[in-house]
C-alpha atoms as a PDB file:
ATOM      1  CA  MET A   1      -0.174  -0.243  -0.197  1.00  0.00           C
ATOM      2  CA  GLN A   2       1.734   3.113  -1.431  1.00  0.00           C
ATOM      3  CA  ILE A   3       0.001   5.324   1.632  1.00  0.00           C
ATOM      4  CA  HIS A   4       2.890   7.991   1.286  1.00  0.00           C
ATOM      5  CA  ARG A   5       1.184   9.473  -1.785  1.00  0.00           C
ATOM      6  CA  ALA A   6      -1.921  10.407   0.192  1.00  0.00           C
ATOM      7  CA  LEU A   7      -2.038  14.519   0.389  1.00  0.00           C
ATOM      8  CA  PRO A   8      -1.145  15.931   3.375  1.00  0.00           C
ATOM      9  CA  ALA A   9      -4.254  17.445   5.275  1.00  0.00           C
ATOM     10  CA  ASP A  10      -3.108  21.122   4.149  1.00  0.00           C
ATOM     11  CA  LEU A  11      -2.553  20.346   0.812  1.00  0.00           C
ATOM     12  CA  TRP A  12      -6.140  18.527   0.388  1.00  0.00           C
ATOM     13  CA  GLY A  13      -7.954  21.490   1.735  1.00  0.00           C
ATOM     14  CA  ARG A  14      -6.130  23.843  -0.468  1.00  0.00           C
ATOM     15  CA  LEU A  15      -6.973  21.204  -3.438  1.00  0.00           C
ATOM     16  CA  ARG A  16     -10.182  21.292  -2.603  1.00  0.00           C
ATOM     17  CA  ASN A  17     -10.398  25.202  -2.656  1.00  0.00           C
ATOM     18  CA  GLU A  18      -8.666  25.556  -5.549  1.00  0.00           C
ATOM     19  CA  LEU A  19     -11.260  22.506  -7.785  1.00  0.00           C
ATOM     20  CA  ASP A  20     -14.248  25.004  -5.978  1.00  0.00           C
ATOM     21  CA  LYS A  21     -12.648  28.051  -7.836  1.00  0.00           C
ATOM     22  CA  ARG A  22     -12.059  26.266 -11.553  1.00  0.00           C
ATOM     23  CA  SER A  23     -15.481  24.687 -10.853  1.00  0.00           C
ATOM     24  CA  ASP A  24     -16.713  28.065 -11.433  1.00  0.00           C
ATOM     25  CA  LEU A  25     -15.050  29.312 -14.200  1.00  0.00           C
ATOM     26  CA  VAL A  26     -16.988  31.803 -15.994  1.00  0.00           C
ATOM     27  CA  GLY A  27     -14.490  32.466 -19.083  1.00  0.00           C
ATOM     28  CA  ASP A  28     -14.265  28.605 -20.230  1.00  0.00           C
ATOM     29  CA  ALA A  29     -17.543  26.725 -19.811  1.00  0.00           C
ATOM     30  CA  LYS A  30     -16.177  23.440 -21.519  1.00  0.00           C
ATOM     31  CA  LEU A  31     -13.306  23.333 -18.980  1.00  0.00           C
ATOM     32  CA  ALA A  32     -15.275  23.924 -15.729  1.00  0.00           C
ATOM     33  CA  VAL A  33     -17.724  21.025 -16.973  1.00  0.00           C
ATOM     34  CA  GLN A  34     -14.218  19.065 -16.495  1.00  0.00           C
ATOM     35  CA  TRP A  35     -13.368  20.579 -13.291  1.00  0.00           C
ATOM     36  CA  ARG A  36     -16.554  19.714 -11.671  1.00  0.00           C
ATOM     37  CA  VAL A  37     -16.527  16.292 -13.005  1.00  0.00           C
ATOM     38  CA  VAL A  38     -13.385  15.470 -11.193  1.00  0.00           C
ATOM     39  CA  ARG A  39     -13.761  17.712  -8.605  1.00  0.00           C
ATOM     40  CA  ALA A  40     -16.873  15.028  -7.532  1.00  0.00           C
ATOM     41  CA  ALA A  41     -14.462  12.098  -8.436  1.00  0.00           C
ATOM     42  CA  LEU A  42     -12.042  13.102  -6.281  1.00  0.00           C
ATOM     43  CA  LEU A  43     -14.725  14.052  -3.115  1.00  0.00           C
ATOM     44  CA  LEU A  44     -16.067  10.554  -3.872  1.00  0.00           C
ATOM     45  CA  MET A  45     -12.721   8.810  -3.225  1.00  0.00           C
ATOM     46  CA  GLY A  46     -11.227  11.224  -0.945  1.00  0.00           C
ATOM     47  CA  ASP A  47     -14.450  11.616   1.425  1.00  0.00           C
ATOM     48  CA  SER A  48     -15.863   8.001   1.508  1.00  0.00           C
ATOM     49  CA  GLY A  49     -12.520   6.129   0.794  1.00  0.00           C
ATOM     50  CA  LEU A  50     -13.915   4.370  -2.668  1.00  0.00           C
ATOM     51  CA  ARG A  51     -11.505   2.605  -4.757  1.00  0.00           C
ATOM     52  CA  ARG A  52     -11.304   3.709  -8.476  1.00  0.00           C
ATOM     53  CA  GLU A  53     -13.586   0.748  -9.386  1.00  0.00           C
ATOM     54  CA  GLU A  54     -16.001   1.345  -6.972  1.00  0.00           C
ATOM     55  CA  ALA A  55     -16.524   5.011  -8.025  1.00  0.00           C
ATOM     56  CA  ALA A  56     -16.879   4.129 -11.570  1.00  0.00           C
ATOM     57  CA  ASP A  57     -19.457   1.655 -10.887  1.00  0.00           C
ATOM     58  CA  ALA A  58     -21.583   3.598  -8.359  1.00  0.00           C
ATOM     59  CA  GLN A  59     -24.888   3.901  -8.972  1.00  0.00           C
ATOM     60  CA  ARG A  60     -27.405   6.607  -8.263  1.00  0.00           C
ATOM     61  CA  GLY A  61     -29.681   4.408  -7.034  1.00  0.00           C
ATOM     62  CA  LYS A  62     -27.451   2.803  -4.402  1.00  0.00           C
ATOM     63  CA  LEU A  63     -27.276   6.325  -2.759  1.00  0.00           C
ATOM     64  CA  ARG A  64     -29.663   7.105   0.143  1.00  0.00           C
ATOM     65  CA  VAL A  65     -30.509   8.773   3.043  1.00  0.00           C
ATOM     66  CA  SER A  66     -29.490   7.170   5.615  1.00  0.00           C
ATOM     67  CA  ILE A  67     -31.855   6.208   8.541  1.00  0.00           C
ATOM     68  CA  TYR A  68     -29.161   7.344  11.239  1.00  0.00           C
ATOM     69  CA  GLY A  69     -29.517  10.915  10.474  1.00  0.00           C
ATOM     70  CA  THR A  70     -31.908  13.324  11.313  1.00  0.00           C
ATOM     71  CA  LEU A  71     -33.752  16.131   9.792  1.00  0.00           C
ATOM     72  CA  GLU A  72     -31.125  18.845  11.176  1.00  0.00           C
ATOM     73  CA  ARG A  73     -28.026  16.596  10.035  1.00  0.00           C
ATOM     74  CA  PRO A  74     -29.155  14.349   7.345  1.00  0.00           C
ATOM     75  CA  VAL A  75     -26.679  11.806   6.568  1.00  0.00           C
ATOM     76  CA  ARG A  76     -26.247  10.123   2.821  1.00  0.00           C
ATOM     77  CA  GLU A  77     -24.926   6.718   2.483  1.00  0.00           C
ATOM     78  CA  LEU A  78     -23.626   4.849  -0.673  1.00  0.00           C
ATOM     79  CA  THR A  79     -23.553   1.179  -1.221  1.00  0.00           C
ATOM     80  CA  VAL A  80     -21.049  -0.232  -3.538  1.00  0.00           C
ATOM     81  CA  ILE A  81     -19.698  -3.917  -4.077  1.00  0.00           C
ATOM     82  CA  ASP A  82     -15.933  -4.383  -3.708  1.00  0.00           C
ATOM     83  CA  LYS A  83     -13.461  -5.986  -4.979  1.00  0.00           C
ATOM     84  CA  ARG A  84     -14.571  -9.273  -2.859  1.00  0.00           C
ATOM     85  CA  ASN A  85     -17.842  -8.785  -4.764  1.00  0.00           C
ATOM     86  CA  LYS A  86     -19.566  -8.081  -1.719  1.00  0.00           C
ATOM     87  CA  GLU A  87     -21.587  -4.672  -0.478  1.00  0.00           C
ATOM     88  CA  ARG A  88     -20.465  -2.515   1.624  1.00  0.00           C
ATOM     89  CA  THR A  89     -21.923   0.851   2.573  1.00  0.00           C
ATOM     90  CA  VAL A  90     -19.883   4.090   3.219  1.00  0.00           C
ATOM     91  CA  PRO A  91     -20.955   7.733   4.009  1.00  0.00           C
ATOM     92  CA  VAL A  92     -21.122  10.413   1.752  1.00  0.00           C
ATOM     93  CA  SER A  93     -20.045  14.092   2.485  1.00  0.00           C
ATOM     94  CA  VAL A  94     -22.392  17.057   2.082  1.00  0.00           C
ATOM     95  CA  ALA A  95     -19.416  18.611  -0.278  1.00  0.00           C
ATOM     96  CA  THR A  96     -19.279  15.490  -2.701  1.00  0.00           C
ATOM     97  CA  LEU A  97     -23.217  15.568  -2.709  1.00  0.00           C
ATOM     98  CA  GLU A  98     -23.133  18.912  -3.783  1.00  0.00           C
ATOM     99  CA  ALA A  99     -20.290  18.303  -6.234  1.00  0.00           C
ATOM    100  CA  LEU A 100     -22.616  15.437  -7.738  1.00  0.00           C
ATOM    101  CA  LYS A 101     -25.349  17.820  -8.284  1.00  0.00           C
ATOM    102  CA  ALA A 102     -23.380  19.933  -9.913  1.00  0.00           C
ATOM    103  CA  HIS A 103     -21.983  17.159 -12.372  1.00  0.00           C
ATOM    104  CA  TRP A 104     -25.463  15.703 -12.940  1.00  0.00           C
ATOM    105  CA  SER A 105     -26.294  19.575 -13.601  1.00  0.00           C
ATOM    106  CA  ASP A 106     -23.831  19.543 -16.721  1.00  0.00           C
ATOM    107  CA  ARG A 107     -25.383  16.044 -17.600  1.00  0.00           C
ATOM    108  CA  GLY A 108     -28.781  17.972 -17.697  1.00  0.00           C
ATOM    109  CA  ARG A 109     -30.201  15.212 -15.048  1.00  0.00           C
ATOM    110  CA  ASP A 110     -31.817  16.325 -12.241  1.00  0.00           C
ATOM    111  CA  PHE A 111     -29.857  14.615  -9.219  1.00  0.00           C
ATOM    112  CA  MET A 112     -32.399  15.008  -6.419  1.00  0.00           C
ATOM    113  CA  ALA A 113     -35.077  14.073  -8.508  1.00  0.00           C
ATOM    114  CA  PRO A 114     -37.298  11.964  -6.815  1.00  0.00           C
ATOM    115  CA  THR A 115     -36.498   8.155  -6.614  1.00  0.00           C
ATOM    116  CA  ASP A 116     -39.225   6.896  -8.767  1.00  0.00           C
ATOM    117  CA  LEU A 117     -38.458   9.446 -11.858  1.00  0.00           C
ATOM    118  CA  LEU A 118     -34.430   8.475 -11.895  1.00  0.00           C
ATOM    119  CA  ASN A 119     -32.991   5.483 -13.559  1.00  0.00           C
ATOM    120  CA  PRO A 120     -31.251   3.062 -10.508  1.00  0.00           C
ATOM    121  CA  SER A 121     -28.618   2.383 -12.473  1.00  0.00           C
ATOM    122  CA  ALA A 122     -27.384   5.603 -13.560  1.00  0.00           C
ATOM    123  CA  PRO A 123     -23.707   6.102 -12.869  1.00  0.00           C
ATOM    124  CA  LEU A 124     -22.931   8.664 -10.436  1.00  0.00           C
ATOM    125  CA  LEU A 125     -20.086   9.661 -12.839  1.00  0.00           C
ATOM    126  CA  SER A 126     -20.128   9.962 -16.382  1.00  0.00           C
ATOM    127  CA  PRO A 127     -18.284  11.549 -19.236  1.00  0.00           C
ATOM    128  CA  VAL A 128     -19.808  15.097 -20.402  1.00  0.00           C
ATOM    129  CA  ALA A 129     -17.583  16.205 -22.721  1.00  0.00           C
ATOM    130  CA  ILE A 130     -16.480  13.334 -25.656  1.00  0.00           C
ATOM    131  CA  PRO A 131     -13.132  13.499 -27.199  1.00  0.00           C
ATOM    132  CA  GLN A 132     -13.705  14.060 -31.134  1.00  0.00           C
ATOM    133  CA  THR A 133     -11.795  11.013 -32.406  1.00  0.00           C
ATOM    134  CA  PRO A 134     -13.402   8.029 -34.428  1.00  0.00           C
ATOM    135  CA  ALA A 135     -13.001   5.608 -31.896  1.00  0.00           C
ATOM    136  CA  SER A 136     -14.275   8.054 -29.124  1.00  0.00           C
ATOM    137  CA  ARG A 137     -17.246   8.986 -31.472  1.00  0.00           C
ATOM    138  CA  VAL A 138     -18.323   5.325 -31.889  1.00  0.00           C
ATOM    139  CA  LYS A 139     -18.084   4.464 -28.409  1.00  0.00           C
ATOM    140  CA  HIS A 140     -20.375   7.135 -27.373  1.00  0.00           C
ATOM    141  CA  HIS A 141     -22.910   6.252 -29.953  1.00  0.00           C
ATOM    142  CA  GLN A 142     -22.976   3.136 -28.773  1.00  0.00           C
ATOM    143  CA  ARG A 143     -23.414   3.861 -25.081  1.00  0.00           C
ATOM    144  CA  SER A 144     -26.077   6.443 -25.968  1.00  0.00           C
ATOM    145  CA  ASN A 145     -27.964   3.371 -27.582  1.00  0.00           C
ATOM    146  CA  GLU A 146     -27.567   1.096 -24.334  1.00  0.00           C
ATOM    147  CA  GLY A 147     -28.144   3.969 -21.922  1.00  0.00           C
ATOM    148  CA  GLU A 148     -26.047   6.625 -19.998  1.00  0.00           C
ATOM    149  CA  GLN A 149     -22.736   4.947 -19.005  1.00  0.00           C
ATOM    150  CA  GLY A 150     -19.951   6.068 -16.504  1.00  0.00           C
ATOM    151  CA  TYR A 151     -16.434   6.391 -16.544  1.00  0.00           C
ATOM    152  CA  SER A 152     -14.287   3.016 -16.818  1.00  0.00           C
ATOM    153  CA  ALA A 153     -11.681   3.232 -13.516  1.00  0.00           C
ATOM    154  CA  ASP A 154      -8.706   3.557 -16.038  1.00  0.00           C
ATOM    155  CA  GLY A 155     -10.873   6.559 -17.737  1.00  0.00           C
ATOM    156  CA  ILE A 156     -11.202   8.224 -13.887  1.00  0.00           C
ATOM    157  CA  ASN A 157      -7.469   7.577 -13.479  1.00  0.00           C
ATOM    158  CA  ARG A 158      -6.582   9.281 -16.640  1.00  0.00           C
ATOM    159  CA  LEU A 159      -9.246  12.153 -15.935  1.00  0.00           C
ATOM    160  CA  ILE A 160      -7.336  12.892 -12.520  1.00  0.00           C
ATOM    161  CA  SER A 161      -3.811  12.219 -14.100  1.00  0.00           C
ATOM    162  CA  ARG A 162      -4.749  15.328 -16.291  1.00  0.00           C
ATOM    163  CA  MET A 163      -6.368  17.794 -14.670  1.00  0.00           C
ATOM    164  CA  LEU A 164      -3.768  17.548 -11.733  1.00  0.00           C
ATOM    165  CA  THR A 165      -1.414  18.320 -14.106  1.00  0.00           C
ATOM    166  CA  ILE A 166      -2.678  21.714 -14.810  1.00  0.00           C
ATOM    167  CA  ILE A 167      -3.354  22.272 -11.369  1.00  0.00           C
ATOM    168  CA  VAL A 168       0.512  21.561 -10.450  1.00  0.00           C
ATOM    169  CA  GLU A 169       1.398  23.680 -13.641  1.00  0.00           C
ATOM    170  CA  THR A 170      -1.131  26.595 -13.178  1.00  0.00           C
ATOM    171  CA  MET A 171      -1.931  26.531  -9.038  1.00  0.00           C
ATOM    172  CA  ASP A 172      -0.639  29.792  -6.843  1.00  0.00           C
ATOM    173  CA  ASP A 173       1.481  29.403  -3.996  1.00  0.00           C
ATOM    174  CA  LEU A 174       2.556  25.603  -3.830  1.00  0.00           C
ATOM    175  CA  SER A 175       6.278  24.657  -3.103  1.00  0.00           C
ATOM    176  CA  LEU A 176       8.286  22.607  -5.143  1.00  0.00           C
ATOM    177  CA  ASP A 177       7.540  19.519  -2.620  1.00  0.00           C
ATOM    178  CA  GLU A 178       3.628  20.010  -3.007  1.00  0.00           C
ATOM    179  CA  ARG A 179       4.076  19.985  -6.838  1.00  0.00           C
ATOM    180  CA  VAL A 180       5.668  16.445  -6.511  1.00  0.00           C
ATOM    181  CA  ILE A 181       3.006  15.548  -4.488  1.00  0.00           C
ATOM    182  CA  LEU A 182       0.346  16.540  -6.809  1.00  0.00           C
ATOM    183  CA  GLY A 183       2.097  14.872  -9.760  1.00  0.00           C
ATOM    184  CA  SER A 184       2.236  11.528  -8.083  1.00  0.00           C
ATOM    185  CA  VAL A 185      -1.587  11.610  -7.227  1.00  0.00           C
ATOM    186  CA  ASN A 186      -3.641   9.035  -8.663  1.00  0.00           C
ATOM    187  CA  ALA A 187      -6.881   7.867  -7.858  1.00  0.00           C
ATOM    188  CA  HIS A 188      -6.096   5.578  -5.342  1.00  0.00           C
ATOM    189  CA  ALA A 189      -4.174   8.367  -3.461  1.00  0.00           C
ATOM    190  CA  MET A 190      -7.325   9.817  -2.666  1.00  0.00           C
ATOM    191  CA  ARG A 191      -8.291   6.599  -1.199  1.00  0.00           C
ATOM    192  CA  HIS A 192      -5.262   6.854   1.341  1.00  0.00           C
ATOM    193  CA  THR A 193      -5.702  10.402   1.900  1.00  0.00           C
ATOM    194  CA  PHE A 194      -9.064   9.521   3.736  1.00  0.00           C
ATOM    195  CA  GLY A 195      -7.600   6.420   5.539  1.00  0.00           C
ATOM    196  CA  THR A 196      -4.597   8.614   6.925  1.00  0.00           C
ATOM    197  CA  GLN A 197      -6.471  11.991   7.697  1.00  0.00           C
ATOM    198  CA  SER A 198      -9.657  10.140   9.278  1.00  0.00           C
ATOM    199  CA  VAL A 199      -7.152   8.093  11.512  1.00  0.00           C
ATOM    200  CA  ALA A 200      -5.375  11.404  12.376  1.00  0.00           C
ATOM    201  CA  ASP A 201      -8.714  13.143  13.039  1.00  0.00           C
ATOM    202  CA  GLU A 202      -9.197   9.880  15.781  1.00  0.00           C
ATOM    203  CA  VAL A 203     -11.997   8.222  13.511  1.00  0.00           C
ATOM    204  CA  PRO A 204     -11.964   5.189  15.660  1.00  0.00           C
ATOM    205  CA  VAL A 205      -9.825   2.552  13.736  1.00  0.00           C
ATOM    206  CA  ASP A 206     -12.405  -0.107  13.091  1.00  0.00           C
ATOM    207  CA  VAL A 207     -14.633   2.557  11.838  1.00  0.00           C
ATOM    208  CA  VAL A 208     -11.973   3.042   9.363  1.00  0.00           C
ATOM    209  CA  GLN A 209     -11.681  -0.383   8.169  1.00  0.00           C
ATOM    210  CA  LYS A 210     -15.394  -0.786   7.789  1.00  0.00           C
ATOM    211  CA  VAL A 211     -15.508   2.636   5.420  1.00  0.00           C
ATOM    212  CA  LEU A 212     -12.531   1.107   3.731  1.00  0.00           C
ATOM    213  CA  GLY A 213     -13.336  -2.350   3.591  1.00  0.00           C
ATOM    214  CA  HIS A 214     -10.580  -3.806   4.661  1.00  0.00           C
ATOM    215  CA  ALA A 215     -11.114  -7.429   5.992  1.00  0.00           C
ATOM    216  CA  SER A 216      -8.221  -7.063   8.240  1.00  0.00           C
ATOM    217  CA  LEU A 217      -7.869  -4.966  10.872  1.00  0.00           C
ATOM    218  CA  GLN A 218      -4.292  -5.117  10.689  1.00  0.00           C
ATOM    219  CA  THR A 219      -4.532  -3.501   7.027  1.00  0.00           C
ATOM    220  CA  THR A 220      -6.105  -0.723   8.686  1.00  0.00           C
ATOM    221  CA  SER A 221      -3.483  -0.405  11.318  1.00  0.00           C
ATOM    222  CA  ILE A 222      -1.242   0.708   8.665  1.00  0.00           C
ATOM    223  CA  TYR A 223      -2.389   3.974   8.567  1.00  0.00           C
ATOM    224  CA  VAL A 224      -2.125   4.259  12.776  1.00  0.00           C
ATOM    225  CA  GLN A 225       1.207   3.336  12.252  1.00  0.00           C
ATOM    226  CA  ALA A 226       1.850   6.034   9.124  1.00  0.00           C
ATOM    227  CA  GLU A 227       0.332   8.750  11.979  1.00  0.00           C
ATOM    228  CA  LYS A 228       2.286   7.807  14.993  1.00  0.00           C
ATOM    229  CA  LYS A 229       5.568   8.206  12.737  1.00  0.00           C
ATOM    230  CA  ARG A 230       4.299  11.309  11.469  1.00  0.00           C
ATOM    231  CA  VAL A 231       3.287  12.556  15.146  1.00  0.00           C
ATOM    232  CA  LEU A 232       6.867  11.397  16.642  1.00  0.00           C
ATOM    233  CA  GLU A 233       9.039  13.239  13.600  1.00  0.00           C
ATOM    234  CA  GLU A 234       6.914  16.412  14.123  1.00  0.00           C
ATOM    235  CA  VAL A 235       7.623  16.189  17.804  1.00  0.00           C
ATOM    236  CA  ALA A 236      11.105  15.097  17.297  1.00  0.00           C
ATOM    237  CA  GLY A 237      11.574  18.284  15.081  1.00  0.00           C
ATOM    238  CA  TYR A 238       9.968  20.217  17.406  1.00  0.00           C
ATOM    239  CA  TYR A 239      12.618  19.191  20.157  1.00  0.00           C
ATOM    240  CA  ALA A 240      15.593  19.723  17.595  1.00  0.00           C
ATOM    241  CA  ARG A 241      14.257  23.699  17.248  1.00  0.00           C
ATOM    242  CA  ARG A 242      13.986  24.058  20.868  1.00  0.00           C
ATOM    243  CA  ALA A 243      17.807  22.889  21.480  1.00  0.00           C
ATOM    244  CA  ASP A 244      18.790  24.972  18.950  1.00  0.00           C
ATOM    245  CA  ALA A 245      16.972  27.920  20.193  1.00  0.00           C
ATOM    246  CA  ALA A 246      18.614  27.260  23.335  1.00  0.00           C
ATOM    247  CA  THR A 247      22.254  26.686  22.176  1.00  0.00           C
ATOM    248  CA  THR A 248      21.857  29.906  20.204  1.00  0.00           C
ATOM    249  CA  GLY A 249      20.401  31.749  23.468  1.00  0.00           C
ATOM    250  CA  LYS A 250      23.471  30.863  25.761  1.00  0.00           C
ATOM    251  CA  ARG A 251      25.949  31.955  22.942  1.00  0.00           C
ATOM    252  CA  GLY A 252      23.896  35.403  22.842  1.00  0.00           C
ATOM    253  CA  ASN A 253      24.920  35.456  26.708  1.00  0.00           C
END
């Protein structure tokens, strides 16, 4: 598990803000559409811990209001089929829900339409802009005849890679290290981002295990060890800085 590719909390937060800004672009409507779909994809994996295959196969009919929410604080849950061919239910954040609404509006669909008016098998994520190549047009024509189709897992990966390359090249206030981190991000890195950030925020490990769909708690504990390592490294750095300051102070006296 390449959890070192997970985004640090600060960078993840700034990336989300950047995606919001670019999704509201008024000068380039077509590009804004692409930003909106990549925002929905990244949040679906980064806030719910989905694998790229699970995000690609996720269906509107499997996203519902949870019975565990309240009128004041409704909770959405999404049921997916994991790699062991078992059902798993994950929470869906408000930010993800809003991003999906915007993406569906680009598709000419009402995400919040009554259930009986929705196609339950409609994909949560679906291409809006079709590349103008012969192969893509043929594929799109076939899909149109079969009903709306979603992205493939590889398609989501390519979309994320393409759009994050633009972020790396054009986003302001990124350090060189941050550009390297974002440049290496793929779809699976967002799942690791959920794992590391939820553990860092003290979500119980058994809860993180269930959201991620790990068969063993030992697998999930990798995120705990990574967080412990980060904490110890930060504190060690703090000790070193304090020691340097004390030494400098003595010399000054």
